[in-house]
PDB file of N, CA and C in Angstrom:
ATOM      1  N   UNK A   1     -44.202 269.959  43.310  1.00  0.00           N
ATOM      2  CA  UNK A   1     -44.729 270.619  44.843  1.00  0.00           C
ATOM      3  C   UNK A   1     -45.390 270.023  45.172  1.00  0.00           C
ATOM      4  N   UNK A   2     -46.213 269.484  46.211  1.00  0.00           N
ATOM      5  CA  UNK A   2     -47.769 269.376  46.345  1.00  0.00           C
ATOM      6  C   UNK A   2     -48.033 270.240  47.767  1.00  0.00           C
ATOM      7  N   UNK A   3     -49.162 271.317  46.669  1.00  0.00           N
ATOM      8  CA  UNK A   3     -49.355 271.989  47.987  1.00  0.00           C
ATOM      9  C   UNK A   3     -50.796 272.214  48.595  1.00  0.00           C
ATOM     10  N   UNK A   4     -51.560 271.939  49.544  1.00  0.00           N
ATOM     11  CA  UNK A   4     -52.606 271.986  49.972  1.00  0.00           C
ATOM     12  C   UNK A   4     -52.955 273.323  49.700  1.00  0.00           C
ATOM     13  N   UNK A   5     -53.778 272.984  49.427  1.00  0.00           N
ATOM     14  CA  UNK A   5     -54.699 275.091  49.233  1.00  0.00           C
ATOM     15  C   UNK A   5     -55.836 274.943  50.197  1.00  0.00           C
ATOM     16  N   UNK A   6     -55.521 275.622  51.221  1.00  0.00           N
ATOM     17  CA  UNK A   6     -57.162 276.089  52.664  1.00  0.00           C
ATOM     18  C   UNK A   6     -58.051 277.096  51.853  1.00  0.00           C
ATOM     19  N   UNK A   7     -59.046 277.248  51.055  1.00  0.00           N
ATOM     20  CA  UNK A   7     -59.752 278.346  50.769  1.00  0.00           C
ATOM     21  C   UNK A   7     -61.495 278.103  50.473  1.00  0.00           C
ATOM     22  N   UNK A   8     -62.062 278.391  51.142  1.00  0.00           N
ATOM     23  CA  UNK A   8     -63.318 278.174  51.171  1.00  0.00           C
ATOM     24  C   UNK A   8     -64.303 278.716  49.476  1.00  0.00           C
ATOM     25  N   UNK A   9     -64.768 279.599  49.213  1.00  0.00           N
ATOM     26  CA  UNK A   9     -64.273 280.693  47.754  1.00  0.00           C
ATOM     27  C   UNK A   9     -64.404 279.519  47.320  1.00  0.00           C
ATOM     28  N   UNK A  10     -65.334 279.240  46.324  1.00  0.00           N
ATOM     29  CA  UNK A  10     -64.634 277.932  45.013  1.00  0.00           C
ATOM     30  C   UNK A  10     -64.467 278.563  43.963  1.00  0.00           C
ATOM     31  N   UNK A  11     -64.541 279.576  43.644  1.00  0.00           N
ATOM     32  CA  UNK A  11     -63.506 280.826  42.547  1.00  0.00           C
ATOM     33  C   UNK A  11     -62.117 281.329  42.330  1.00  0.00           C
ATOM     34  N   UNK A  12     -62.367 281.828  43.620  1.00  0.00           N
ATOM     35  CA  UNK A  12     -60.609 281.447  44.474  1.00  0.00           C
ATOM     36  C   UNK A  12     -59.760 280.378  44.204  1.00  0.00           C
ATOM     37  N   UNK A  13     -60.700 279.097  44.742  1.00  0.00           N
ATOM     38  CA  UNK A  13     -59.724 277.902  44.818  1.00  0.00           C
ATOM     39  C   UNK A  13     -59.398 277.070  43.240  1.00  0.00           C
ATOM     40  N   UNK A  14     -60.291 277.158  42.803  1.00  0.00           N
ATOM     41  CA  UNK A  14     -60.236 276.905  41.031  1.00  0.00           C
ATOM     42  C   UNK A  14     -59.328 278.176  40.574  1.00  0.00           C
ATOM     43  N   UNK A  15     -59.363 279.166  40.392  1.00  0.00           N
ATOM     44  CA  UNK A  15     -57.867 279.891  39.992  1.00  0.00           C
ATOM     45  C   UNK A  15     -56.733 280.094  40.226  1.00  0.00           C
ATOM     46  N   UNK A  16     -56.569 279.452  41.822  1.00  0.00           N
ATOM     47  CA  UNK A  16     -54.711 279.146  42.467  1.00  0.00           C
ATOM     48  C   UNK A  16     -54.773 277.397  41.860  1.00  0.00           C
ATOM     49  N   UNK A  17     -55.837 277.392  42.017  1.00  0.00           N
ATOM     50  CA  UNK A  17     -56.047 275.302  41.785  1.00  0.00           C
ATOM     51  C   UNK A  17     -54.339 275.521  40.646  1.00  0.00           C
ATOM     52  N   UNK A  18     -55.374 276.251  39.309  1.00  0.00           N
ATOM     53  CA  UNK A  18     -55.334 276.236  37.852  1.00  0.00           C
ATOM     54  C   UNK A  18     -53.576 276.774  37.846  1.00  0.00           C
ATOM     55  N   UNK A  19     -53.954 277.684  38.784  1.00  0.00           N
ATOM     56  CA  UNK A  19     -52.080 278.539  38.471  1.00  0.00           C
ATOM     57  C   UNK A  19     -50.985 277.536  38.687  1.00  0.00           C
ATOM     58  N   UNK A  20     -51.780 276.788  40.018  1.00  0.00           N
ATOM     59  CA  UNK A  20     -50.176 276.442  40.254  1.00  0.00           C
ATOM     60  C   UNK A  20     -50.143 274.897  39.410  1.00  0.00           C
ATOM     61  N   UNK A  21     -51.158 274.312  39.094  1.00  0.00           N
ATOM     62  CA  UNK A  21     -51.465 272.943  38.554  1.00  0.00           C
ATOM     63  C   UNK A  21     -50.696 273.905  36.712  1.00  0.00           C
ATOM     64  N   UNK A  22     -51.062 274.347  36.177  1.00  0.00           N
ATOM     65  CA  UNK A  22     -50.407 274.903  34.791  1.00  0.00           C
ATOM     66  C   UNK A  22     -48.747 274.732  35.256  1.00  0.00           C
ATOM     67  N   UNK A  23     -48.482 275.573  36.633  1.00  0.00           N
ATOM     68  CA  UNK A  23     -46.807 275.371  37.046  1.00  0.00           C
ATOM     69  C   UNK A  23     -46.510 274.105  37.396  1.00  0.00           C
ATOM     70  N   UNK A  24     -46.726 273.277  37.460  1.00  0.00           N
ATOM     71  CA  UNK A  24     -46.185 271.994  37.542  1.00  0.00           C
ATOM     72  C   UNK A  24     -46.923 271.579  38.533  1.00  0.00           C
ATOM     73  N   UNK A  25     -47.662 272.145  39.741  1.00  0.00           N
ATOM     74  CA  UNK A  25     -47.877 271.436  40.687  1.00  0.00           C
ATOM     75  C   UNK A  25     -48.704 270.542  41.154  1.00  0.00           C
ATOM     76  N   UNK A  26     -49.144 269.916  41.989  1.00  0.00           N
ATOM     77  CA  UNK A  26     -50.065 269.243  42.511  1.00  0.00           C
ATOM     78  C   UNK A  26     -50.774 269.970  43.555  1.00  0.00           C
ATOM     79  N   UNK A  27     -52.049 269.637  43.264  1.00  0.00           N
ATOM     80  CA  UNK A  27     -53.023 270.988  44.522  1.00  0.00           C
ATOM     81  C   UNK A  27     -54.206 269.484  44.745  1.00  0.00           C
ATOM     82  N   UNK A  28     -54.260 269.759  45.896  1.00  0.00           N
ATOM     83  CA  UNK A  28     -55.002 269.014  46.777  1.00  0.00           C
ATOM     84  C   UNK A  28     -55.312 270.274  48.067  1.00  0.00           C
ATOM     85  N   UNK A  29     -56.942 270.643  46.942  1.00  0.00           N
ATOM     86  CA  UNK A  29     -57.816 271.528  48.186  1.00  0.00           C
ATOM     87  C   UNK A  29     -58.452 270.815  48.530  1.00  0.00           C
ATOM     88  N   UNK A  30     -58.637 272.188  49.938  1.00  0.00           N
ATOM     89  CA  UNK A  30     -59.775 271.536  51.361  1.00  0.00           C
ATOM     90  C   UNK A  30     -60.067 272.762  51.515  1.00  0.00           C
ATOM     91  N   UNK A  31     -61.716 272.701  51.436  1.00  0.00           N
ATOM     92  CA  UNK A  31     -62.744 274.327  51.559  1.00  0.00           C
ATOM     93  C   UNK A  31     -62.777 274.416  53.097  1.00  0.00           C
ATOM     94  N   UNK A  32     -62.183 273.908  54.003  1.00  0.00           N
ATOM     95  CA  UNK A  32     -62.237 274.335  55.298  1.00  0.00           C
ATOM     96  C   UNK A  32     -60.830 274.382  55.740  1.00  0.00           C
ATOM     97  N   UNK A  33     -60.550 274.681  57.680  1.00  0.00           N
ATOM     98  CA  UNK A  33     -59.506 274.784  57.932  1.00  0.00           C
ATOM     99  C   UNK A  33     -59.448 273.076  58.774  1.00  0.00           C
ATOM    100  N   UNK A  34     -60.758 272.264  59.439  1.00  0.00           N
ATOM    101  CA  UNK A  34     -61.473 271.623  59.590  1.00  0.00           C
ATOM    102  C   UNK A  34     -59.872 270.005  58.837  1.00  0.00           C
ATOM    103  N   UNK A  35     -60.538 270.161  57.348  1.00  0.00           N
ATOM    104  CA  UNK A  35     -60.494 269.285  55.834  1.00  0.00           C
ATOM    105  C   UNK A  35     -58.939 269.403  56.166  1.00  0.00           C
ATOM    106  N   UNK A  36     -58.363 270.568  55.861  1.00  0.00           N
ATOM    107  CA  UNK A  36     -56.980 270.840  56.438  1.00  0.00           C
ATOM    108  C   UNK A  36     -55.964 269.958  56.871  1.00  0.00           C
ATOM    109  N   UNK A  37     -56.561 270.421  58.211  1.00  0.00           N
ATOM    110  CA  UNK A  37     -55.419 269.192  59.197  1.00  0.00           C
ATOM    111  C   UNK A  37     -55.742 267.901  59.398  1.00  0.00           C
ATOM    112  N   UNK A  38     -56.700 267.583  58.461  1.00  0.00           N
ATOM    113  CA  UNK A  38     -56.806 266.170  58.616  1.00  0.00           C
ATOM    114  C   UNK A  38     -56.328 265.574  58.011  1.00  0.00           C
ATOM    115  N   UNK A  39     -56.393 266.637  56.243  1.00  0.00           N
ATOM    116  CA  UNK A  39     -55.606 265.882  55.093  1.00  0.00           C
ATOM    117  C   UNK A  39     -53.719 265.903  55.325  1.00  0.00           C
ATOM    118  N   UNK A  40     -53.689 267.361  55.801  1.00  0.00           N
ATOM    119  CA  UNK A  40     -52.798 267.757  56.425  1.00  0.00           C
ATOM    120  C   UNK A  40     -51.633 266.709  57.428  1.00  0.00           C
ATOM    121  N   UNK A  41     -52.273 265.844  58.555  1.00  0.00           N
ATOM    122  CA  UNK A  41     -51.732 264.604  58.983  1.00  0.00           C
ATOM    123  C   UNK A  41     -51.181 263.715  58.246  1.00  0.00           C
ATOM    124  N   UNK A  42     -51.719 263.371  57.620  1.00  0.00           N
ATOM    125  CA  UNK A  42     -52.017 261.953  56.379  1.00  0.00           C
ATOM    126  C   UNK A  42     -51.482 262.205  55.096  1.00  0.00           C
ATOM    127  N   UNK A  43     -51.029 262.720  55.410  1.00  0.00           N
ATOM    128  CA  UNK A  43     -50.243 263.516  53.657  1.00  0.00           C
ATOM    129  C   UNK A  43     -49.102 264.034  53.718  1.00  0.00           C
ATOM    130  N   UNK A  44     -47.787 263.932  52.709  1.00  0.00           N
ATOM    131  CA  UNK A  44     -47.189 264.599  52.529  1.00  0.00           C
ATOM    132  C   UNK A  44     -47.131 265.546  51.662  1.00  0.00           C
ATOM    133  N   UNK A  45     -46.652 266.919  52.242  1.00  0.00           N
ATOM    134  CA  UNK A  45     -46.936 267.853  51.278  1.00  0.00           C
ATOM    135  C   UNK A  45     -45.906 268.553  51.959  1.00  0.00           C
ATOM    136  N   UNK A  46     -45.501 269.433  50.535  1.00  0.00           N
ATOM    137  CA  UNK A  46     -44.729 270.742  50.585  1.00  0.00           C
ATOM    138  C   UNK A  46     -44.881 271.684  50.878  1.00  0.00           C
ATOM    139  N   UNK A  47     -46.050 271.678  50.853  1.00  0.00           N
ATOM    140  CA  UNK A  47     -46.336 273.896  51.420  1.00  0.00           C
ATOM    141  C   UNK A  47     -47.764 274.128  51.546  1.00  0.00           C
ATOM    142  N   UNK A  48     -47.998 274.506  52.209  1.00  0.00           N
ATOM    143  CA  UNK A  48     -50.004 274.959  52.439  1.00  0.00           C
ATOM    144  C   UNK A  48     -50.216 276.155  52.805  1.00  0.00           C
ATOM    145  N   UNK A  49     -51.029 276.947  51.104  1.00  0.00           N
ATOM    146  CA  UNK A  49     -51.804 278.241  50.996  1.00  0.00           C
ATOM    147  C   UNK A  49     -53.073 277.473  52.155  1.00  0.00           C
ATOM    148  N   UNK A  50     -52.746 278.767  52.679  1.00  0.00           N
ATOM    149  CA  UNK A  50     -54.120 279.058  53.759  1.00  0.00           C
ATOM    150  C   UNK A  50     -54.593 280.276  53.885  1.00  0.00           C
ATOM    151  N   UNK A  51     -56.052 280.198  53.608  1.00  0.00           N
ATOM    152  CA  UNK A  51     -57.109 281.311  53.553  1.00  0.00           C
ATOM    153  C   UNK A  51     -56.978 281.891  55.405  1.00  0.00           C
ATOM    154  N   UNK A  52     -56.651 282.804  55.182  1.00  0.00           N
ATOM    155  CA  UNK A  52     -57.289 283.619  56.850  1.00  0.00           C
ATOM    156  C   UNK A  52     -58.691 283.371  57.247  1.00  0.00           C
ATOM    157  N   UNK A  53     -58.620 284.387  55.964  1.00  0.00           N
ATOM    158  CA  UNK A  53     -60.782 284.172  56.721  1.00  0.00           C
ATOM    159  C   UNK A  53     -61.610 283.319  56.681  1.00  0.00           C
ATOM    160  N   UNK A  54     -61.835 281.835  57.353  1.00  0.00           N
ATOM    161  CA  UNK A  54     -62.418 280.770  57.038  1.00  0.00           C
ATOM    162  C   UNK A  54     -63.558 280.892  57.697  1.00  0.00           C
ATOM    163  N   UNK A  55     -64.768 279.730  57.337  1.00  0.00           N
ATOM    164  CA  UNK A  55     -65.664 279.645  58.927  1.00  0.00           C
ATOM    165  C   UNK A  55     -65.148 279.308  59.407  1.00  0.00           C
ATOM    166  N   UNK A  56     -65.577 278.815  60.665  1.00  0.00           N
ATOM    167  CA  UNK A  56     -65.522 278.147  62.168  1.00  0.00           C
ATOM    168  C   UNK A  56     -64.363 278.438  62.093  1.00  0.00           C
ATOM    169  N   UNK A  57     -63.008 277.559  62.384  1.00  0.00           N
ATOM    170  CA  UNK A  57     -62.060 278.689  62.820  1.00  0.00           C
ATOM    171  C   UNK A  57     -61.029 278.727  61.842  1.00  0.00           C
ATOM    172  N   UNK A  58     -60.342 279.749  61.518  1.00  0.00           N
ATOM    173  CA  UNK A  58     -60.416 280.837  60.934  1.00  0.00           C
ATOM    174  C   UNK A  58     -58.494 280.671  60.234  1.00  0.00           C
ATOM    175  N   UNK A  59     -58.361 280.773  59.489  1.00  0.00           N
ATOM    176  CA  UNK A  59     -56.624 280.122  58.776  1.00  0.00           C
ATOM    177  C   UNK A  59     -55.532 280.841  60.079  1.00  0.00           C
ATOM    178  N   UNK A  60     -55.344 281.326  60.684  1.00  0.00           N
ATOM    179  CA  UNK A  60     -54.977 281.649  61.304  1.00  0.00           C
ATOM    180  C   UNK A  60     -54.883 280.787  62.831  1.00  0.00           C
ATOM    181  N   UNK A  61     -55.630 280.032  63.442  1.00  0.00           N
ATOM    182  CA  UNK A  61     -55.858 279.037  63.922  1.00  0.00           C
ATOM    183  C   UNK A  61     -55.524 277.778  63.434  1.00  0.00           C
ATOM    184  N   UNK A  62     -55.984 277.187  62.838  1.00  0.00           N
ATOM    185  CA  UNK A  62     -55.852 276.413  62.395  1.00  0.00           C
ATOM    186  C   UNK A  62     -54.870 276.333  61.848  1.00  0.00           C
ATOM    187  N   UNK A  63     -53.234 277.290  61.560  1.00  0.00           N
ATOM    188  CA  UNK A  63     -51.893 277.156  61.116  1.00  0.00           C
ATOM    189  C   UNK A  63     -50.448 277.160  62.977  1.00  0.00           C
ATOM    190  N   UNK A  64     -51.778 277.704  63.401  1.00  0.00           N
ATOM    191  CA  UNK A  64     -51.693 277.318  64.470  1.00  0.00           C
ATOM    192  C   UNK A  64     -51.634 276.598  65.275  1.00  0.00           C
ATOM    193  N   UNK A  65     -52.234 275.524  64.916  1.00  0.00           N
ATOM    194  CA  UNK A  65     -52.527 273.956  65.469  1.00  0.00           C
ATOM    195  C   UNK A  65     -51.276 273.564  64.511  1.00  0.00           C
ATOM    196  N   UNK A  66     -51.247 273.644  63.513  1.00  0.00           N
ATOM    197  CA  UNK A  66     -50.466 272.608  62.702  1.00  0.00           C
ATOM    198  C   UNK A  66     -48.775 273.038  62.469  1.00  0.00           C
ATOM    199  N   UNK A  67     -48.488 274.118  62.878  1.00  0.00           N
ATOM    200  CA  UNK A  67     -47.497 274.684  64.131  1.00  0.00           C
ATOM    201  C   UNK A  67     -47.375 273.734  65.293  1.00  0.00           C
ATOM    202  N   UNK A  68     -47.989 273.948  66.187  1.00  0.00           N
ATOM    203  CA  UNK A  68     -48.355 272.615  66.779  1.00  0.00           C
ATOM    204  C   UNK A  68     -47.489 271.427  66.881  1.00  0.00           C
ATOM    205  N   UNK A  69     -48.080 270.651  65.537  1.00  0.00           N
ATOM    206  CA  UNK A  69     -47.743 269.407  65.416  1.00  0.00           C
ATOM    207  C   UNK A  69     -46.107 268.578  65.417  1.00  0.00           C
ATOM    208  N   UNK A  70     -46.060 267.354  65.971  1.00  0.00           N
ATOM    209  CA  UNK A  70     -44.459 267.808  65.212  1.00  0.00           C
ATOM    210  C   UNK A  70     -44.489 267.145  64.101  1.00  0.00           C
ATOM    211  N   UNK A  71     -45.966 266.003  63.697  1.00  0.00           N
ATOM    212  CA  UNK A  71     -46.220 265.439  61.995  1.00  0.00           C
ATOM    213  C   UNK A  71     -45.546 266.707  60.880  1.00  0.00           C
ATOM    214  N   UNK A  72     -46.203 267.998  61.451  1.00  0.00           N
ATOM    215  CA  UNK A  72     -46.978 269.062  60.779  1.00  0.00           C
ATOM    216  C   UNK A  72     -46.052 270.319  60.763  1.00  0.00           C
ATOM    217  N   UNK A  73     -45.723 270.942  61.692  1.00  0.00           N
ATOM    218  CA  UNK A  73     -44.616 271.927  61.694  1.00  0.00           C
ATOM    219  C   UNK A  73     -43.666 272.398  60.728  1.00  0.00           C
ATOM    220  N   UNK A  74     -43.010 271.512  59.749  1.00  0.00           N
ATOM    221  CA  UNK A  74     -42.218 271.811  59.164  1.00  0.00           C
ATOM    222  C   UNK A  74     -42.768 272.212  57.873  1.00  0.00           C
ATOM    223  N   UNK A  75     -44.033 271.757  57.935  1.00  0.00           N
ATOM    224  CA  UNK A  75     -44.005 272.340  56.643  1.00  0.00           C
ATOM    225  C   UNK A  75     -44.702 273.737  56.638  1.00  0.00           C
ATOM    226  N   UNK A  76     -44.218 274.786  55.094  1.00  0.00           N
ATOM    227  CA  UNK A  76     -44.467 276.229  55.324  1.00  0.00           C
ATOM    228  C   UNK A  76     -46.412 276.031  55.127  1.00  0.00           C
ATOM    229  N   UNK A  77     -46.607 277.310  56.234  1.00  0.00           N
ATOM    230  CA  UNK A  77     -47.676 277.485  55.805  1.00  0.00           C
ATOM    231  C   UNK A  77     -47.476 279.269  54.893  1.00  0.00           C
ATOM    232  N   UNK A  78     -48.180 279.335  53.835  1.00  0.00           N
ATOM    233  CA  UNK A  78     -48.391 281.138  53.294  1.00  0.00           C
ATOM    234  C   UNK A  78     -49.839 281.278  53.511  1.00  0.00           C
ATOM    235  N   UNK A  79     -49.865 282.387  53.864  1.00  0.00           N
ATOM    236  CA  UNK A  79     -51.316 283.048  54.290  1.00  0.00           C
ATOM    237  C   UNK A  79     -51.919 283.348  52.936  1.00  0.00           C
ATOM    238  N   UNK A  80     -53.158 283.366  52.564  1.00  0.00           N
ATOM    239  CA  UNK A  80     -53.365 284.016  51.576  1.00  0.00           C
ATOM    240  C   UNK A  80     -54.361 285.272  51.730  1.00  0.00           C
ATOM    241  N   UNK A  81     -54.132 286.281  52.022  1.00  0.00           N
ATOM    242  CA  UNK A  81     -54.843 287.448  52.205  1.00  0.00           C
ATOM    243  C   UNK A  81     -55.571 288.403  52.060  1.00  0.00           C
ATOM    244  N   UNK A  82     -56.403 289.052  51.839  1.00  0.00           N
ATOM    245  CA  UNK A  82     -56.593 290.147  51.330  1.00  0.00           C
ATOM    246  C   UNK A  82     -56.129 291.524  51.958  1.00  0.00           C
ATOM    247  N   UNK A  83     -55.575 290.831  53.279  1.00  0.00           N
ATOM    248  CA  UNK A  83     -55.345 292.215  54.446  1.00  0.00           C
ATOM    249  C   UNK A  83     -54.260 292.051  54.683  1.00  0.00           C
ATOM    250  N   UNK A  84     -53.407 293.604  54.671  1.00  0.00           N
ATOM    251  CA  UNK A  84     -52.065 293.814  54.184  1.00  0.00           C
ATOM    252  C   UNK A  84     -51.624 294.632  55.219  1.00  0.00           C
ATOM    253  N   UNK A  85     -51.844 295.355  56.369  1.00  0.00           N
ATOM    254  CA  UNK A  85     -51.024 296.070  56.294  1.00  0.00           C
ATOM    255  C   UNK A  85     -50.576 295.949  57.728  1.00  0.00           C
ATOM    256  N   UNK A  86     -49.231 296.694  58.343  1.00  0.00           N
ATOM    257  CA  UNK A  86     -48.475 296.471  59.066  1.00  0.00           C
ATOM    258  C   UNK A  86     -48.893 295.279  60.299  1.00  0.00           C
ATOM    259  N   UNK A  87     -49.961 295.624  60.944  1.00  0.00           N
ATOM    260  CA  UNK A  87     -50.384 294.969  61.694  1.00  0.00           C
ATOM    261  C   UNK A  87     -51.355 293.628  61.359  1.00  0.00           C
ATOM    262  N   UNK A  88     -51.893 293.252  60.603  1.00  0.00           N
ATOM    263  CA  UNK A  88     -51.671 291.752  59.996  1.00  0.00           C
ATOM    264  C   UNK A  88     -51.027 291.254  59.674  1.00  0.00           C
ATOM    265  N   UNK A  89     -50.113 291.845  59.234  1.00  0.00           N
ATOM    266  CA  UNK A  89     -48.804 291.148  58.599  1.00  0.00           C
ATOM    267  C   UNK A  89     -48.319 290.017  60.711  1.00  0.00           C
ATOM    268  N   UNK A  90     -48.111 291.533  61.582  1.00  0.00           N
ATOM    269  CA  UNK A  90     -48.071 290.617  62.655  1.00  0.00           C
ATOM    270  C   UNK A  90     -48.273 289.655  63.085  1.00  0.00           C
ATOM    271  N   UNK A  91     -50.237 290.071  62.471  1.00  0.00           N
ATOM    272  CA  UNK A  91     -50.679 288.435  63.567  1.00  0.00           C
ATOM    273  C   UNK A  91     -50.459 287.771  62.425  1.00  0.00           C
ATOM    274  N   UNK A  92     -49.901 287.256  61.305  1.00  0.00           N
ATOM    275  CA  UNK A  92     -50.006 286.408  60.738  1.00  0.00           C
ATOM    276  C   UNK A  92     -48.893 285.175  61.224  1.00  0.00           C
ATOM    277  N   UNK A  93     -47.388 286.272  60.914  1.00  0.00           N
ATOM    278  CA  UNK A  93     -46.040 285.612  61.772  1.00  0.00           C
ATOM    279  C   UNK A  93     -46.273 285.470  62.644  1.00  0.00           C
ATOM    280  N   UNK A  94     -47.163 285.645  63.798  1.00  0.00           N
ATOM    281  CA  UNK A  94     -47.187 284.629  64.982  1.00  0.00           C
ATOM    282  C   UNK A  94     -48.031 284.085  65.413  1.00  0.00           C
ATOM    283  N   UNK A  95     -48.770 283.881  64.075  1.00  0.00           N
ATOM    284  CA  UNK A  95     -49.516 282.675  64.140  1.00  0.00           C
ATOM    285  C   UNK A  95     -49.040 281.487  64.125  1.00  0.00           C
ATOM    286  N   UNK A  96     -47.821 281.539  63.317  1.00  0.00           N
ATOM    287  CA  UNK A  96     -46.546 280.488  62.702  1.00  0.00           C
ATOM    288  C   UNK A  96     -47.047 280.608  61.070  1.00  0.00           C
ATOM    289  N   UNK A  97     -47.040 281.493  60.269  1.00  0.00           N
ATOM    290  CA  UNK A  97     -47.137 281.880  59.223  1.00  0.00           C
ATOM    291  C   UNK A  97     -46.049 282.024  58.594  1.00  0.00           C
ATOM    292  N   UNK A  98     -45.358 281.332  57.198  1.00  0.00           N
ATOM    293  CA  UNK A  98     -44.406 282.082  57.807  1.00  0.00           C
ATOM    294  C   UNK A  98     -43.888 282.930  55.927  1.00  0.00           C
ATOM    295  N   UNK A  99     -45.028 283.130  55.318  1.00  0.00           N
ATOM    296  CA  UNK A  99     -45.085 284.186  54.749  1.00  0.00           C
ATOM    297  C   UNK A  99     -45.909 284.311  54.190  1.00  0.00           C
ATOM    298  N   UNK A 100     -47.014 285.807  53.551  1.00  0.00           N
ATOM    299  CA  UNK A 100     -47.910 285.551  53.081  1.00  0.00           C
ATOM    300  C   UNK A 100     -48.339 286.372  51.205  1.00  0.00           C
ATOM    301  N   UNK A 101     -49.440 286.449  51.189  1.00  0.00           N
ATOM    302  CA  UNK A 101     -49.144 286.896  49.328  1.00  0.00           C
ATOM    303  C   UNK A 101     -50.690 287.445  49.676  1.00  0.00           C
ATOM    304  N   UNK A 102     -50.959 288.109  49.088  1.00  0.00           N
ATOM    305  CA  UNK A 102     -52.359 289.539  48.778  1.00  0.00           C
ATOM    306  C   UNK A 102     -52.638 289.204  47.803  1.00  0.00           C
ATOM    307  N   UNK A 103     -54.794 288.987  48.038  1.00  0.00           N
ATOM    308  CA  UNK A 103     -55.491 288.843  47.408  1.00  0.00           C
ATOM    309  C   UNK A 103     -55.675 290.574  46.932  1.00  0.00           C
ATOM    310  N   UNK A 104     -56.302 290.506  45.745  1.00  0.00           N
ATOM    311  CA  UNK A 104     -56.573 289.780  45.311  1.00  0.00           C
ATOM    312  C   UNK A 104     -54.970 289.181  44.360  1.00  0.00           C
ATOM    313  N   UNK A 105     -55.519 287.851  44.306  1.00  0.00           N
ATOM    314  CA  UNK A 105     -53.956 287.140  43.676  1.00  0.00           C
ATOM    315  C   UNK A 105     -53.915 288.082  42.306  1.00  0.00           C
ATOM    316  N   UNK A 106     -52.853 287.867  41.285  1.00  0.00           N
ATOM    317  CA  UNK A 106     -51.783 288.428  40.386  1.00  0.00           C
ATOM    318  C   UNK A 106     -52.090 287.378  39.965  1.00  0.00           C
ATOM    319  N   UNK A 107     -52.430 286.664  38.591  1.00  0.00           N
ATOM    320  CA  UNK A 107     -52.442 285.858  38.354  1.00  0.00           C
ATOM    321  C   UNK A 107     -51.097 286.213  37.340  1.00  0.00           C
ATOM    322  N   UNK A 108     -50.198 286.950  37.116  1.00  0.00           N
ATOM    323  CA  UNK A 108     -49.417 286.652  36.193  1.00  0.00           C
ATOM    324  C   UNK A 108     -48.066 286.984  36.852  1.00  0.00           C
ATOM    325  N   UNK A 109     -47.874 287.461  38.069  1.00  0.00           N
ATOM    326  CA  UNK A 109     -47.183 286.741  39.272  1.00  0.00           C
ATOM    327  C   UNK A 109     -47.103 285.311  40.043  1.00  0.00           C
ATOM    328  N   UNK A 110     -48.001 285.281  40.478  1.00  0.00           N
ATOM    329  CA  UNK A 110     -48.882 284.300  41.855  1.00  0.00           C
ATOM    330  C   UNK A 110     -47.549 283.212  41.661  1.00  0.00           C
ATOM    331  N   UNK A 111     -47.510 282.733  40.851  1.00  0.00           N
ATOM    332  CA  UNK A 111     -46.813 280.777  40.900  1.00  0.00           C
ATOM    333  C   UNK A 111     -45.744 281.925  40.667  1.00  0.00           C
ATOM    334  N   UNK A 112     -45.073 282.163  40.011  1.00  0.00           N
ATOM    335  CA  UNK A 112     -43.184 282.110  40.963  1.00  0.00           C
ATOM    336  C   UNK A 112     -43.303 282.851  42.527  1.00  0.00           C
ATOM    337  N   UNK A 113     -44.516 284.059  43.127  1.00  0.00           N
ATOM    338  CA  UNK A 113     -44.183 284.077  43.872  1.00  0.00           C
ATOM    339  C   UNK A 113     -44.509 283.136  45.051  1.00  0.00           C
ATOM    340  N   UNK A 114     -45.057 281.717  44.940  1.00  0.00           N
ATOM    341  CA  UNK A 114     -45.037 280.710  44.922  1.00  0.00           C
ATOM    342  C   UNK A 114     -43.693 280.143  45.677  1.00  0.00           C
ATOM    343  N   UNK A 115     -43.021 280.207  44.078  1.00  0.00           N
ATOM    344  CA  UNK A 115     -41.874 279.797  44.212  1.00  0.00           C
ATOM    345  C   UNK A 115     -41.440 280.101  45.557  1.00  0.00           C
ATOM    346  N   UNK A 116     -41.103 280.840  45.646  1.00  0.00           N
ATOM    347  CA  UNK A 116     -39.839 281.404  46.728  1.00  0.00           C
ATOM    348  C   UNK A 116     -40.205 281.122  48.153  1.00  0.00           C
ATOM    349  N   UNK A 117     -41.669 280.650  48.004  1.00  0.00           N
ATOM    350  CA  UNK A 117     -41.324 279.763  49.490  1.00  0.00           C
ATOM    351  C   UNK A 117     -41.101 277.716  49.695  1.00  0.00           C
ATOM    352  N   UNK A 118     -40.473 278.157  48.211  1.00  0.00           N
ATOM    353  CA  UNK A 118     -39.967 276.369  48.043  1.00  0.00           C
ATOM    354  C   UNK A 118     -39.147 275.937  48.682  1.00  0.00           C
ATOM    355  N   UNK A 119     -38.893 274.619  49.189  1.00  0.00           N
ATOM    356  CA  UNK A 119     -38.041 274.149  50.639  1.00  0.00           C
ATOM    357  C   UNK A 119     -36.920 274.010  49.937  1.00  0.00           C
TER     358      UNK A 119
END
């Protein structure tokens, strides 16, 4: 799978990238929502992992923009968040996310959790 990982924290980005690449995925990093929109508009993607707490436009706003565009609305977006309360889940789904993974990321199970969202 070609996976766009949107994460502004360099350590989290490195961890997620390493785990996904070790599982055979191709990772394209983006450190902001604006960069993610630009990449998604020109690159064929199988999945987007979206940090919810981004500077500037947050991850849910970026997700809503991706889902509003015909060219990108078909790409599954998985929120990556430290927030896992019921109210947070409702916000994540309302923004158009197809699922979510909670932080801190469990290195043992992360890749298999992501596989569940494969098209």
